[in-house]
PDB file of N, CA and C in Angstrom:
ATOM      1  N   MET A   1     -10.520  23.131 -34.157  1.00  0.00           N
ATOM      2  CA  MET A   1      -9.500  22.633 -34.367  1.00  0.00           C
ATOM      3  C   MET A   1      -8.023  23.328 -33.235  1.00  0.00           C
ATOM      4  N   LYS A   2      -8.728  24.525 -33.494  1.00  0.00           N
ATOM      5  CA  LYS A   2      -7.809  25.324 -32.341  1.00  0.00           C
ATOM      6  C   LYS A   2      -8.031  25.004 -30.747  1.00  0.00           C
ATOM      7  N   ASN A   3      -9.674  24.692 -30.754  1.00  0.00           N
ATOM      8  CA  ASN A   3     -10.527  24.283 -29.287  1.00  0.00           C
ATOM      9  C   ASN A   3      -9.757  22.791 -28.626  1.00  0.00           C
ATOM     10  N   ALA A   4      -9.739  21.812 -30.194  1.00  0.00           N
ATOM     11  CA  ALA A   4      -8.887  20.693 -29.841  1.00  0.00           C
ATOM     12  C   ALA A   4      -7.396  20.203 -29.232  1.00  0.00           C
ATOM     13  N   MET A   5      -6.372  21.431 -29.989  1.00  0.00           N
ATOM     14  CA  MET A   5      -5.366  21.411 -29.346  1.00  0.00           C
ATOM     15  C   MET A   5      -5.222  21.910 -27.968  1.00  0.00           C
ATOM     16  N   VAL A   6      -5.998  22.735 -28.034  1.00  0.00           N
ATOM     17  CA  VAL A   6      -5.780  23.991 -25.857  1.00  0.00           C
ATOM     18  C   VAL A   6      -6.317  22.179 -25.508  1.00  0.00           C
ATOM     19  N   CYS A   7      -8.081  21.925 -25.727  1.00  0.00           N
ATOM     20  CA  CYS A   7      -7.746  20.452 -24.939  1.00  0.00           C
ATOM     21  C   CYS A   7      -6.994  19.413 -24.749  1.00  0.00           C
ATOM     22  N   PHE A   8      -6.630  19.436 -26.093  1.00  0.00           N
ATOM     23  CA  PHE A   8      -5.873  18.284 -26.139  1.00  0.00           C
ATOM     24  C   PHE A   8      -4.781  18.084 -24.910  1.00  0.00           C
ATOM     25  N   SER A   9      -4.696  20.188 -24.748  1.00  0.00           N
ATOM     26  CA  SER A   9      -2.684  19.946 -24.608  1.00  0.00           C
ATOM     27  C   SER A   9      -3.744  19.691 -22.569  1.00  0.00           C
ATOM     28  N   ILE A  10      -3.727  20.634 -22.228  1.00  0.00           N
ATOM     29  CA  ILE A  10      -4.463  21.276 -20.735  1.00  0.00           C
ATOM     30  C   ILE A  10      -4.709  19.579 -20.755  1.00  0.00           C
ATOM     31  N   LEU A  11      -5.587  17.997 -21.149  1.00  0.00           N
ATOM     32  CA  LEU A  11      -5.010  17.197 -20.314  1.00  0.00           C
ATOM     33  C   LEU A  11      -3.761  16.493 -20.523  1.00  0.00           C
ATOM     34  N   PHE A  12      -3.311  17.032 -21.328  1.00  0.00           N
ATOM     35  CA  PHE A  12      -1.675  16.252 -20.881  1.00  0.00           C
ATOM     36  C   PHE A  12      -0.509  16.742 -20.141  1.00  0.00           C
ATOM     37  N   PHE A  13      -1.081  18.110 -19.878  1.00  0.00           N
ATOM     38  CA  PHE A  13      -0.574  18.672 -19.102  1.00  0.00           C
ATOM     39  C   PHE A  13      -1.223  18.123 -17.120  1.00  0.00           C
ATOM     40  N   VAL A  14      -2.206  17.801 -17.169  1.00  0.00           N
ATOM     41  CA  VAL A  14      -3.430  17.352 -16.276  1.00  0.00           C
ATOM     42  C   VAL A  14      -2.969  16.196 -15.203  1.00  0.00           C
ATOM     43  N   SER A  15      -2.517  15.239 -16.592  1.00  0.00           N
ATOM     44  CA  SER A  15      -2.721  14.328 -16.698  1.00  0.00           C
ATOM     45  C   SER A  15      -0.895  13.314 -16.044  1.00  0.00           C
ATOM     46  N   CYS A  16       0.208  14.643 -16.122  1.00  0.00           N
ATOM     47  CA  CYS A  16       0.935  14.518 -16.091  1.00  0.00           C
ATOM     48  C   CYS A  16       1.666  14.803 -14.645  1.00  0.00           C
ATOM     49  N   LYS A  17       1.333  13.944 -13.532  1.00  0.00           N
ATOM     50  CA  LYS A  17       1.352  15.270 -11.993  1.00  0.00           C
ATOM     51  C   LYS A  17       2.322  13.822 -11.626  1.00  0.00           C
ATOM     52  N   LYS A  18       3.398  14.606 -10.481  1.00  0.00           N
ATOM     53  CA  LYS A  18       4.436  13.518  -9.125  1.00  0.00           C
ATOM     54  C   LYS A  18       3.748  12.614  -8.714  1.00  0.00           C
ATOM     55  N   SER A  19       2.845  12.864  -8.248  1.00  0.00           N
ATOM     56  CA  SER A  19       1.539  12.224  -7.321  1.00  0.00           C
ATOM     57  C   SER A  19       1.033  11.358  -7.765  1.00  0.00           C
ATOM     58  N   GLU A  20       0.782   9.892  -7.234  1.00  0.00           N
ATOM     59  CA  GLU A  20      -0.147   8.873  -7.458  1.00  0.00           C
ATOM     60  C   GLU A  20      -1.468   9.230  -6.583  1.00  0.00           C
ATOM     61  N   SER A  21      -2.822   9.007  -6.704  1.00  0.00           N
ATOM     62  CA  SER A  21      -3.615   8.439  -5.827  1.00  0.00           C
ATOM     63  C   SER A  21      -4.105   7.722  -4.875  1.00  0.00           C
ATOM     64  N   ILE A  22      -4.105   8.594  -3.904  1.00  0.00           N
ATOM     65  CA  ILE A  22      -3.532   7.366  -2.778  1.00  0.00           C
ATOM     66  C   ILE A  22      -4.657   6.323  -3.038  1.00  0.00           C
ATOM     67  N   GLN A  23      -5.298   5.849  -3.752  1.00  0.00           N
ATOM     68  CA  GLN A  23      -6.630   5.145  -3.225  1.00  0.00           C
ATOM     69  C   GLN A  23      -6.005   3.924  -4.493  1.00  0.00           C
ATOM     70  N   THR A  24      -5.025   3.578  -4.885  1.00  0.00           N
ATOM     71  CA  THR A  24      -3.733   3.466  -5.478  1.00  0.00           C
ATOM     72  C   THR A  24      -3.302   2.528  -4.824  1.00  0.00           C
ATOM     73  N   LEU A  25      -3.203   3.313  -3.523  1.00  0.00           N
ATOM     74  CA  LEU A  25      -1.653   1.988  -2.790  1.00  0.00           C
ATOM     75  C   LEU A  25      -2.339   0.499  -2.344  1.00  0.00           C
ATOM     76  N   THR A  26      -1.719   0.035  -2.177  1.00  0.00           N
ATOM     77  CA  THR A  26      -2.415  -1.110  -1.407  1.00  0.00           C
ATOM     78  C   THR A  26      -3.429  -1.392  -0.600  1.00  0.00           C
ATOM     79  N   VAL A  27      -3.340  -2.087   0.101  1.00  0.00           N
ATOM     80  CA  VAL A  27      -4.346  -2.519   2.086  1.00  0.00           C
ATOM     81  C   VAL A  27      -3.066  -3.286   2.836  1.00  0.00           C
ATOM     82  N   CYS A  28      -2.893  -2.268   3.251  1.00  0.00           N
ATOM     83  CA  CYS A  28      -1.399  -1.984   4.935  1.00  0.00           C
ATOM     84  C   CYS A  28      -0.970  -4.199   4.879  1.00  0.00           C
ATOM     85  N   ASN A  29      -0.303  -4.371   4.856  1.00  0.00           N
ATOM     86  CA  ASN A  29       0.529  -6.080   5.395  1.00  0.00           C
ATOM     87  C   ASN A  29       1.470  -5.164   6.355  1.00  0.00           C
ATOM     88  N   ALA A  30       0.927  -6.283   7.944  1.00  0.00           N
ATOM     89  CA  ALA A  30       0.943  -5.987   9.203  1.00  0.00           C
ATOM     90  C   ALA A  30       3.219  -6.398   9.195  1.00  0.00           C
ATOM     91  N   SER A  31       3.358  -6.964   8.178  1.00  0.00           N
ATOM     92  CA  SER A  31       4.653  -7.188   7.779  1.00  0.00           C
ATOM     93  C   SER A  31       6.025  -6.473   6.708  1.00  0.00           C
ATOM     94  N   ILE A  32       5.109  -5.634   7.163  1.00  0.00           N
ATOM     95  CA  ILE A  32       6.045  -4.430   6.374  1.00  0.00           C
ATOM     96  C   ILE A  32       6.930  -3.531   7.517  1.00  0.00           C
ATOM     97  N   SER A  33       8.104  -4.343   7.701  1.00  0.00           N
ATOM     98  CA  SER A  33       9.038  -3.443   8.388  1.00  0.00           C
ATOM     99  C   SER A  33      10.240  -2.935   8.268  1.00  0.00           C
ATOM    100  N   TYR A  34      10.492  -1.509   9.296  1.00  0.00           N
ATOM    101  CA  TYR A  34      11.547  -0.260   9.131  1.00  0.00           C
ATOM    102  C   TYR A  34      12.578  -1.385   9.185  1.00  0.00           C
ATOM    103  N   LYS A  35      13.224  -2.891   9.406  1.00  0.00           N
ATOM    104  CA  LYS A  35      14.510  -3.017   9.106  1.00  0.00           C
ATOM    105  C   LYS A  35      14.814  -3.404   7.589  1.00  0.00           C
ATOM    106  N   ASN A  36      13.597  -4.036   7.584  1.00  0.00           N
ATOM    107  CA  ASN A  36      13.722  -4.545   6.296  1.00  0.00           C
ATOM    108  C   ASN A  36      13.293  -4.168   4.799  1.00  0.00           C
ATOM    109  N   GLN A  37      12.512  -3.003   5.172  1.00  0.00           N
ATOM    110  CA  GLN A  37      11.868  -2.351   3.901  1.00  0.00           C
ATOM    111  C   GLN A  37      11.907  -0.785   4.069  1.00  0.00           C
ATOM    112  N   VAL A  38      11.477  -0.413   4.840  1.00  0.00           N
ATOM    113  CA  VAL A  38      11.376   0.760   5.035  1.00  0.00           C
ATOM    114  C   VAL A  38      12.837   2.101   4.848  1.00  0.00           C
ATOM    115  N   HIS A  39      13.665   1.544   6.110  1.00  0.00           N
ATOM    116  CA  HIS A  39      14.939   2.026   5.849  1.00  0.00           C
ATOM    117  C   HIS A  39      15.566   1.886   5.618  1.00  0.00           C
ATOM    118  N   ALA A  40      15.787   1.121   3.700  1.00  0.00           N
ATOM    119  CA  ALA A  40      16.319   1.403   2.304  1.00  0.00           C
ATOM    120  C   ALA A  40      15.466   2.036   2.133  1.00  0.00           C
ATOM    121  N   ILE A  41      14.202   2.244   1.534  1.00  0.00           N
ATOM    122  CA  ILE A  41      13.769   3.258   0.979  1.00  0.00           C
ATOM    123  C   ILE A  41      13.907   4.460   1.118  1.00  0.00           C
ATOM    124  N   LEU A  42      13.461   4.811   2.455  1.00  0.00           N
ATOM    125  CA  LEU A  42      13.618   6.255   3.086  1.00  0.00           C
ATOM    126  C   LEU A  42      15.826   6.755   2.829  1.00  0.00           C
ATOM    127  N   VAL A  43      16.745   5.467   2.946  1.00  0.00           N
ATOM    128  CA  VAL A  43      17.560   6.335   2.627  1.00  0.00           C
ATOM    129  C   VAL A  43      18.536   5.893   1.015  1.00  0.00           C
ATOM    130  N   ALA A  44      17.195   5.103   0.456  1.00  0.00           N
ATOM    131  CA  ALA A  44      18.095   5.576  -1.264  1.00  0.00           C
ATOM    132  C   ALA A  44      17.400   6.941  -1.890  1.00  0.00           C
ATOM    133  N   ASN A  45      16.015   7.437  -1.292  1.00  0.00           N
ATOM    134  CA  ASN A  45      15.572   8.538  -1.761  1.00  0.00           C
ATOM    135  C   ASN A  45      15.710   9.550  -0.648  1.00  0.00           C
ATOM    136  N   CYS A  46      16.027   9.930   0.389  1.00  0.00           N
ATOM    137  CA  CYS A  46      15.553  11.641   1.151  1.00  0.00           C
ATOM    138  C   CYS A  46      17.587  10.891   1.790  1.00  0.00           C
ATOM    139  N   THR A  47      18.020  10.214   1.762  1.00  0.00           N
ATOM    140  CA  THR A  47      18.969  11.418   2.734  1.00  0.00           C
ATOM    141  C   THR A  47      20.298  12.129   1.153  1.00  0.00           C
ATOM    142  N   SER A  48      19.541  11.884   0.615  1.00  0.00           N
ATOM    143  CA  SER A  48      21.016  12.378  -0.269  1.00  0.00           C
ATOM    144  C   SER A  48      20.771  14.529   0.307  1.00  0.00           C
ATOM    145  N   SER A  49      21.994  14.602  -0.088  1.00  0.00           N
ATOM    146  CA  SER A  49      22.562  15.382   0.401  1.00  0.00           C
ATOM    147  C   SER A  49      21.747  17.048  -0.298  1.00  0.00           C
ATOM    148  N   GLY A  50      21.579  17.193   0.467  1.00  0.00           N
ATOM    149  CA  GLY A  50      20.841  18.688   0.538  1.00  0.00           C
ATOM    150  C   GLY A  50      19.392  18.261   1.301  1.00  0.00           C
ATOM    151  N   CYS A  51      19.368  17.101   1.003  1.00  0.00           N
ATOM    152  CA  CYS A  51      17.207  16.809   1.748  1.00  0.00           C
ATOM    153  C   CYS A  51      18.075  15.652   3.131  1.00  0.00           C
ATOM    154  N   HIS A  52      18.077  15.221   3.601  1.00  0.00           N
ATOM    155  CA  HIS A  52      17.518  14.511   4.529  1.00  0.00           C
ATOM    156  C   HIS A  52      18.669  13.736   5.253  1.00  0.00           C
ATOM    157  N   ASP A  53      19.798  14.731   4.869  1.00  0.00           N
ATOM    158  CA  ASP A  53      20.597  14.158   5.222  1.00  0.00           C
ATOM    159  C   ASP A  53      21.731  14.495   6.391  1.00  0.00           C
ATOM    160  N   GLY A  54      20.830  15.398   7.578  1.00  0.00           N
ATOM    161  CA  GLY A  54      21.540  15.884   8.540  1.00  0.00           C
ATOM    162  C   GLY A  54      22.231  16.775   8.812  1.00  0.00           C
ATOM    163  N   ASN A  55      23.031  17.458   7.388  1.00  0.00           N
ATOM    164  CA  ASN A  55      22.771  18.196   7.345  1.00  0.00           C
ATOM    165  C   ASN A  55      22.438  19.575   7.646  1.00  0.00           C
ATOM    166  N   ALA A  56      21.396  20.068   6.157  1.00  0.00           N
ATOM    167  CA  ALA A  56      20.121  20.424   5.627  1.00  0.00           C
ATOM    168  C   ALA A  56      19.449  20.528   6.914  1.00  0.00           C
ATOM    169  N   LEU A  57      18.268  19.260   6.479  1.00  0.00           N
ATOM    170  CA  LEU A  57      17.634  18.332   7.122  1.00  0.00           C
ATOM    171  C   LEU A  57      17.698  17.387   8.417  1.00  0.00           C
ATOM    172  N   PRO A  58      16.804  17.185   9.451  1.00  0.00           N
ATOM    173  CA  PRO A  58      17.374  15.603   9.946  1.00  0.00           C
ATOM    174  C   PRO A  58      17.731  14.766   8.863  1.00  0.00           C
ATOM    175  N   SER A  59      18.581  13.419   9.168  1.00  0.00           N
ATOM    176  CA  SER A  59      18.824  12.621   8.975  1.00  0.00           C
ATOM    177  C   SER A  59      17.107  11.605   8.865  1.00  0.00           C
ATOM    178  N   LEU A  60      16.403  11.225   7.001  1.00  0.00           N
ATOM    179  CA  LEU A  60      15.632  10.669   7.898  1.00  0.00           C
ATOM    180  C   LEU A  60      16.353   8.637   8.053  1.00  0.00           C
ATOM    181  N   GLY A  61      17.900   8.489   7.948  1.00  0.00           N
ATOM    182  CA  GLY A  61      18.960   7.324   7.761  1.00  0.00           C
ATOM    183  C   GLY A  61      18.489   6.179   9.058  1.00  0.00           C
ATOM    184  N   ASP A  62      17.696   7.976   9.593  1.00  0.00           N
ATOM    185  CA  ASP A  62      18.565   6.694  11.330  1.00  0.00           C
ATOM    186  C   ASP A  62      16.725   6.293  11.911  1.00  0.00           C
ATOM    187  N   TYR A  63      16.676   5.421  12.624  1.00  0.00           N
ATOM    188  CA  TYR A  63      15.012   5.337  13.025  1.00  0.00           C
ATOM    189  C   TYR A  63      14.300   6.406  13.545  1.00  0.00           C
ATOM    190  N   LEU A  64      15.526   6.906  14.521  1.00  0.00           N
ATOM    191  CA  LEU A  64      14.645   7.875  15.751  1.00  0.00           C
ATOM    192  C   LEU A  64      13.984   9.492  14.944  1.00  0.00           C
ATOM    193  N   THR A  65      14.355   9.514  14.554  1.00  0.00           N
ATOM    194  CA  THR A  65      14.380  10.829  13.362  1.00  0.00           C
ATOM    195  C   THR A  65      12.766  10.567  12.477  1.00  0.00           C
ATOM    196  N   ALA A  66      13.328   8.810  11.535  1.00  0.00           N
ATOM    197  CA  ALA A  66      12.011   8.847  10.875  1.00  0.00           C
ATOM    198  C   ALA A  66      11.149   8.488  12.097  1.00  0.00           C
ATOM    199  N   HIS A  67      11.051   8.246  13.084  1.00  0.00           N
ATOM    200  CA  HIS A  67       9.624   7.878  13.497  1.00  0.00           C
ATOM    201  C   HIS A  67       9.306   9.032  14.298  1.00  0.00           C
ATOM    202  N   ASP A  68       9.515  10.044  14.992  1.00  0.00           N
ATOM    203  CA  ASP A  68       9.890  10.753  15.340  1.00  0.00           C
ATOM    204  C   ASP A  68       9.208  11.955  14.162  1.00  0.00           C
ATOM    205  N   ALA A  69       9.299  11.819  12.716  1.00  0.00           N
ATOM    206  CA  ALA A  69       8.486  12.275  11.795  1.00  0.00           C
ATOM    207  C   ALA A  69       7.760  11.378  11.303  1.00  0.00           C
ATOM    208  N   ALA A  70       7.072  10.932  11.939  1.00  0.00           N
ATOM    209  CA  ALA A  70       6.283  10.182  10.785  1.00  0.00           C
ATOM    210  C   ALA A  70       4.863   9.793  10.407  1.00  0.00           C
ATOM    211  N   ASN A  71       4.267  11.209  10.730  1.00  0.00           N
ATOM    212  CA  ASN A  71       3.159  11.658  10.506  1.00  0.00           C
ATOM    213  C   ASN A  71       3.236  12.944   9.660  1.00  0.00           C
ATOM    214  N   GLN A  72       5.248  13.206   9.469  1.00  0.00           N
ATOM    215  CA  GLN A  72       4.693  14.363   8.172  1.00  0.00           C
ATOM    216  C   GLN A  72       5.149  13.504   7.272  1.00  0.00           C
ATOM    217  N   ILE A  73       6.240  12.494   7.398  1.00  0.00           N
ATOM    218  CA  ILE A  73       6.317  11.933   6.305  1.00  0.00           C
ATOM    219  C   ILE A  73       5.345  11.368   5.989  1.00  0.00           C
ATOM    220  N   LYS A  74       4.495  10.496   6.536  1.00  0.00           N
ATOM    221  CA  LYS A  74       3.300  10.181   5.422  1.00  0.00           C
ATOM    222  C   LYS A  74       2.240  10.647   4.908  1.00  0.00           C
ATOM    223  N   THR A  75       2.406  11.902   5.029  1.00  0.00           N
ATOM    224  CA  THR A  75       1.496  13.526   4.474  1.00  0.00           C
ATOM    225  C   THR A  75       2.803  13.735   3.512  1.00  0.00           C
ATOM    226  N   SER A  76       3.748  13.352   3.366  1.00  0.00           N
ATOM    227  CA  SER A  76       4.492  14.170   2.823  1.00  0.00           C
ATOM    228  C   SER A  76       4.137  13.310   1.053  1.00  0.00           C
ATOM    229  N   VAL A  77       4.238  11.947   1.725  1.00  0.00           N
ATOM    230  CA  VAL A  77       4.690  10.834   0.629  1.00  0.00           C
ATOM    231  C   VAL A  77       3.435  10.475  -0.438  1.00  0.00           C
ATOM    232  N   LYS A  78       2.261  10.613   0.454  1.00  0.00           N
ATOM    233  CA  LYS A  78       1.073  10.636  -0.151  1.00  0.00           C
ATOM    234  C   LYS A  78       0.631  11.737  -0.907  1.00  0.00           C
ATOM    235  N   THR A  79       0.939  13.400  -0.989  1.00  0.00           N
ATOM    236  CA  THR A  79       1.046  14.360  -1.756  1.00  0.00           C
ATOM    237  C   THR A  79       1.343  14.626  -2.887  1.00  0.00           C
ATOM    238  N   GLY A  80       3.187  14.163  -2.429  1.00  0.00           N
ATOM    239  CA  GLY A  80       4.131  13.198  -3.562  1.00  0.00           C
ATOM    240  C   GLY A  80       5.276  15.269  -3.150  1.00  0.00           C
ATOM    241  N   VAL A  81       4.754  15.435  -2.108  1.00  0.00           N
ATOM    242  CA  VAL A  81       5.937  16.375  -2.101  1.00  0.00           C
ATOM    243  C   VAL A  81       7.442  15.847  -1.678  1.00  0.00           C
ATOM    244  N   MET A  82       7.542  14.531  -0.903  1.00  0.00           N
ATOM    245  CA  MET A  82       8.397  13.648  -0.835  1.00  0.00           C
ATOM    246  C   MET A  82       8.507  12.622  -1.857  1.00  0.00           C
ATOM    247  N   PRO A  83       9.646  11.963  -2.215  1.00  0.00           N
ATOM    248  CA  PRO A  83      11.286  12.568  -1.922  1.00  0.00           C
ATOM    249  C   PRO A  83      10.944  14.100  -3.083  1.00  0.00           C
ATOM    250  N   LYS A  84      12.019  14.393  -3.205  1.00  0.00           N
ATOM    251  CA  LYS A  84      12.094  15.917  -3.571  1.00  0.00           C
ATOM    252  C   LYS A  84      13.156  15.745  -4.649  1.00  0.00           C
ATOM    253  N   ASN A  85      12.372  15.749  -5.939  1.00  0.00           N
ATOM    254  CA  ASN A  85      13.039  15.364  -7.115  1.00  0.00           C
ATOM    255  C   ASN A  85      13.254  13.806  -7.639  1.00  0.00           C
ATOM    256  N   LYS A  86      12.361  13.280  -6.691  1.00  0.00           N
ATOM    257  CA  LYS A  86      12.167  11.637  -7.102  1.00  0.00           C
ATOM    258  C   LYS A  86      10.979  10.835  -6.784  1.00  0.00           C
ATOM    259  N   ILE A  87      10.787   9.587  -7.764  1.00  0.00           N
ATOM    260  CA  ILE A  87       9.428   8.973  -7.318  1.00  0.00           C
ATOM    261  C   ILE A  87       9.010   8.550  -7.452  1.00  0.00           C
ATOM    262  N   LEU A  88       8.212   7.826  -6.394  1.00  0.00           N
ATOM    263  CA  LEU A  88       8.961   6.755  -5.241  1.00  0.00           C
ATOM    264  C   LEU A  88       7.101   5.763  -6.208  1.00  0.00           C
ATOM    265  N   SER A  89       8.178   4.597  -6.448  1.00  0.00           N
ATOM    266  CA  SER A  89       6.677   3.674  -7.146  1.00  0.00           C
ATOM    267  C   SER A  89       5.937   3.626  -5.804  1.00  0.00           C
ATOM    268  N   THR A  90       4.634   3.177  -6.427  1.00  0.00           N
ATOM    269  CA  THR A  90       3.765   2.299  -5.677  1.00  0.00           C
ATOM    270  C   THR A  90       3.289   1.940  -4.714  1.00  0.00           C
ATOM    271  N   ALA A  91       4.295   0.510  -4.569  1.00  0.00           N
ATOM    272  CA  ALA A  91       5.513   0.075  -3.416  1.00  0.00           C
ATOM    273  C   ALA A  91       5.892   0.646  -2.248  1.00  0.00           C
ATOM    274  N   ASP A  92       7.122   1.107  -2.663  1.00  0.00           N
ATOM    275  CA  ASP A  92       7.457   1.750  -1.836  1.00  0.00           C
ATOM    276  C   ASP A  92       6.720   2.778  -1.086  1.00  0.00           C
ATOM    277  N   LYS A  93       5.768   3.807  -1.719  1.00  0.00           N
ATOM    278  CA  LYS A  93       4.395   4.301  -1.086  1.00  0.00           C
ATOM    279  C   LYS A  93       3.843   3.635   0.241  1.00  0.00           C
ATOM    280  N   SER A  94       3.593   2.473  -0.188  1.00  0.00           N
ATOM    281  CA  SER A  94       3.075   1.470   0.462  1.00  0.00           C
ATOM    282  C   SER A  94       3.617   1.302   1.459  1.00  0.00           C
ATOM    283  N   ALA A  95       4.575   0.457   1.448  1.00  0.00           N
ATOM    284  CA  ALA A  95       5.264   0.202   2.429  1.00  0.00           C
ATOM    285  C   ALA A  95       5.601   1.092   3.441  1.00  0.00           C
ATOM    286  N   ILE A  96       6.069   2.501   2.796  1.00  0.00           N
ATOM    287  CA  ILE A  96       6.029   3.701   3.884  1.00  0.00           C
ATOM    288  C   ILE A  96       5.065   3.754   4.890  1.00  0.00           C
ATOM    289  N   ILE A  97       3.807   4.171   3.811  1.00  0.00           N
ATOM    290  CA  ILE A  97       2.755   4.216   4.772  1.00  0.00           C
ATOM    291  C   ILE A  97       1.819   3.479   5.890  1.00  0.00           C
ATOM    292  N   CYS A  98       2.056   1.865   4.792  1.00  0.00           N
ATOM    293  CA  CYS A  98       1.922   1.000   5.875  1.00  0.00           C
ATOM    294  C   CYS A  98       2.767   0.825   7.454  1.00  0.00           C
ATOM    295  N   TRP A  99       3.672   1.369   7.158  1.00  0.00           N
ATOM    296  CA  TRP A  99       4.530   1.309   8.559  1.00  0.00           C
ATOM    297  C   TRP A  99       4.056   1.643   9.524  1.00  0.00           C
ATOM    298  N   ILE A 100       4.067   3.553   9.424  1.00  0.00           N
ATOM    299  CA  ILE A 100       3.256   4.596   9.321  1.00  0.00           C
ATOM    300  C   ILE A 100       2.003   3.712  10.241  1.00  0.00           C
ATOM    301  N   GLU A 101       0.730   3.434   9.319  1.00  0.00           N
ATOM    302  CA  GLU A 101      -0.032   3.439  10.640  1.00  0.00           C
ATOM    303  C   GLU A 101      -0.283   1.265  10.787  1.00  0.00           C
ATOM    304  N   ASN A 102       0.958   1.000  10.992  1.00  0.00           N
ATOM    305  CA  ASN A 102       1.025   0.249  11.620  1.00  0.00           C
ATOM    306  C   ASN A 102       1.717   0.923  13.665  1.00  0.00           C
ATOM    307  N   GLY A 103       2.007   2.273  13.219  1.00  0.00           N
ATOM    308  CA  GLY A 103       2.614   2.702  14.077  1.00  0.00           C
ATOM    309  C   GLY A 103       4.165   2.779  14.072  1.00  0.00           C
ATOM    310  N   ALA A 104       4.601   3.408  13.233  1.00  0.00           N
ATOM    311  CA  ALA A 104       6.407   3.257  13.048  1.00  0.00           C
ATOM    312  C   ALA A 104       7.278   2.560  13.611  1.00  0.00           C
ATOM    313  N   LEU A 105       6.813   1.071  13.921  1.00  0.00           N
ATOM    314  CA  LEU A 105       8.147   0.601  14.946  1.00  0.00           C
ATOM    315  C   LEU A 105       9.078   0.195  14.323  1.00  0.00           C
ATOM    316  N   ASN A 106      10.350  -0.325  15.443  1.00  0.00           N
ATOM    317  CA  ASN A 106      11.488  -0.872  15.425  1.00  0.00           C
ATOM    318  C   ASN A 106      11.510  -2.150  14.644  1.00  0.00           C
ATOM    319  N   ASN A 107      11.446  -2.594  13.991  1.00  0.00           N
ATOM    320  CA  ASN A 107      11.099  -3.947  13.219  1.00  0.00           C
ATOM    321  C   ASN A 107      11.772  -3.948  12.774  1.00  0.00           C
TER     322      ASN A 107
END
Protein backbone atom coordinates (compact mmCIF):
# COMPACT_ATOMS: atom_id res chain seq x y z
CA MET A 1 0.00 0.00 0.00
CA LYS A 2 2.84 2.38 0.86
CA ASN A 3 4.48 1.74 -2.55
CA ALA A 4 1.19 2.51 -4.30
CA MET A 5 0.93 5.86 -2.51
CA VAL A 6 4.50 6.75 -3.42
CA CYS A 7 3.84 5.89 -7.08
CA PHE A 8 0.62 7.89 -7.09
CA SER A 9 2.38 10.89 -5.54
CA ILE A 10 5.16 10.77 -8.13
CA LEU A 11 2.69 10.49 -11.00
CA PHE A 12 0.62 13.35 -9.63
CA PHE A 13 3.54 15.75 -9.35
CA VAL A 14 5.12 14.72 -12.65
CA SER A 15 1.84 15.24 -14.48
CA CYS A 16 1.47 18.76 -13.05
CA LYS A 17 3.88 20.80 -15.07
CA LYS A 18 3.67 24.34 -16.36
CA SER A 19 4.56 23.91 -19.99
CA GLU A 20 2.93 21.79 -22.63
CA SER A 21 5.01 19.73 -24.99
CA ILE A 22 5.87 21.49 -28.23
CA GLN A 23 4.48 18.46 -30.07
CA THR A 24 0.97 19.55 -29.04
CA LEU A 25 1.31 22.80 -30.94
CA THR A 26 -0.44 23.17 -34.25
CA VAL A 27 1.14 23.53 -37.67
CA CYS A 28 2.13 27.13 -38.39
CA ASN A 29 -0.37 29.29 -40.19
CA ALA A 30 1.14 31.93 -42.49
CA SER A 31 -1.66 34.35 -41.63
CA ILE A 32 -0.50 34.80 -38.01
CA SER A 33 0.40 38.45 -37.63
CA TYR A 34 2.11 40.57 -35.03
CA LYS A 35 -0.52 43.30 -35.23
CA ASN A 36 -3.61 41.05 -35.09
CA GLN A 37 -2.52 38.32 -32.67
CA VAL A 38 0.98 38.35 -31.21
CA HIS A 39 1.09 41.93 -29.92
CA ALA A 40 -2.05 41.42 -27.81
CA ILE A 41 -0.71 38.13 -26.40
CA LEU A 42 2.59 39.72 -25.41
CA VAL A 43 0.93 42.78 -23.86
CA ALA A 44 -1.60 40.71 -21.90
CA ASN A 45 0.92 38.18 -20.61
CA CYS A 46 4.40 39.69 -20.61
CA THR A 47 4.29 43.43 -19.92
CA SER A 48 3.13 43.38 -16.30
CA SER A 49 5.08 45.18 -13.60
CA GLY A 50 8.38 43.48 -12.91
CA CYS A 51 8.42 41.64 -16.21
CA HIS A 52 8.89 43.08 -19.69
CA ASP A 53 7.38 46.45 -18.79
CA GLY A 54 10.32 48.56 -19.92
CA ASN A 55 11.60 49.05 -16.38
CA ALA A 56 13.15 45.82 -15.12
CA LEU A 57 13.36 44.27 -18.59
CA PRO A 58 12.86 45.64 -22.10
CA SER A 59 9.19 46.09 -23.00
CA LEU A 60 7.71 43.39 -25.18
CA GLY A 61 4.89 45.78 -25.96
CA ASP A 62 6.69 47.16 -29.00
CA TYR A 63 7.53 45.41 -32.24
CA LEU A 64 11.27 46.16 -32.43
CA THR A 65 12.01 44.71 -29.01
CA ALA A 66 9.89 41.62 -29.68
CA HIS A 67 11.51 41.16 -33.09
CA ASP A 68 15.03 41.50 -31.74
CA ALA A 69 14.30 39.01 -28.94
CA ALA A 70 12.33 36.61 -31.16
CA ASN A 71 14.60 33.58 -30.76
CA GLN A 72 14.80 34.01 -27.00
CA ILE A 73 11.01 34.46 -26.81
CA LYS A 74 10.49 31.30 -28.86
CA THR A 75 12.73 29.25 -26.58
CA SER A 76 11.18 30.70 -23.43
CA VAL A 77 7.63 30.06 -24.64
CA LYS A 78 8.45 26.51 -25.75
CA THR A 79 10.04 25.62 -22.42
CA GLY A 80 7.41 27.36 -20.30
CA VAL A 81 9.88 29.81 -18.76
CA MET A 82 7.76 32.68 -20.07
CA PRO A 83 5.49 34.17 -19.16
CA LYS A 84 6.50 34.29 -15.53
CA ASN A 85 3.73 33.11 -13.17
CA LYS A 86 1.29 32.51 -16.04
CA ILE A 87 0.45 29.73 -18.46
CA LEU A 88 -0.13 30.47 -22.13
CA SER A 89 -2.83 28.57 -23.96
CA THR A 90 -1.73 26.24 -26.72
CA ALA A 91 -3.24 28.65 -29.25
CA ASP A 92 -1.24 31.58 -27.86
CA LYS A 93 1.97 29.55 -27.82
CA SER A 94 1.33 28.48 -31.40
CA ALA A 95 0.66 32.05 -32.52
CA ILE A 96 3.90 33.36 -31.01
CA ILE A 97 6.01 30.49 -32.30
CA CYS A 98 4.46 30.60 -35.77
CA TRP A 99 4.96 34.35 -36.01
CA ILE A 100 8.64 33.88 -35.17
CA GLU A 101 9.07 30.90 -37.52
CA ASN A 102 7.43 32.95 -40.29
CA GLY A 103 10.15 35.61 -39.91
CA ALA A 104 8.82 37.73 -36.99
CA LEU A 105 7.41 40.23 -39.47
CA ASN A 106 5.85 43.58 -38.58
CA ASN A 107 2.57 42.55 -40.16
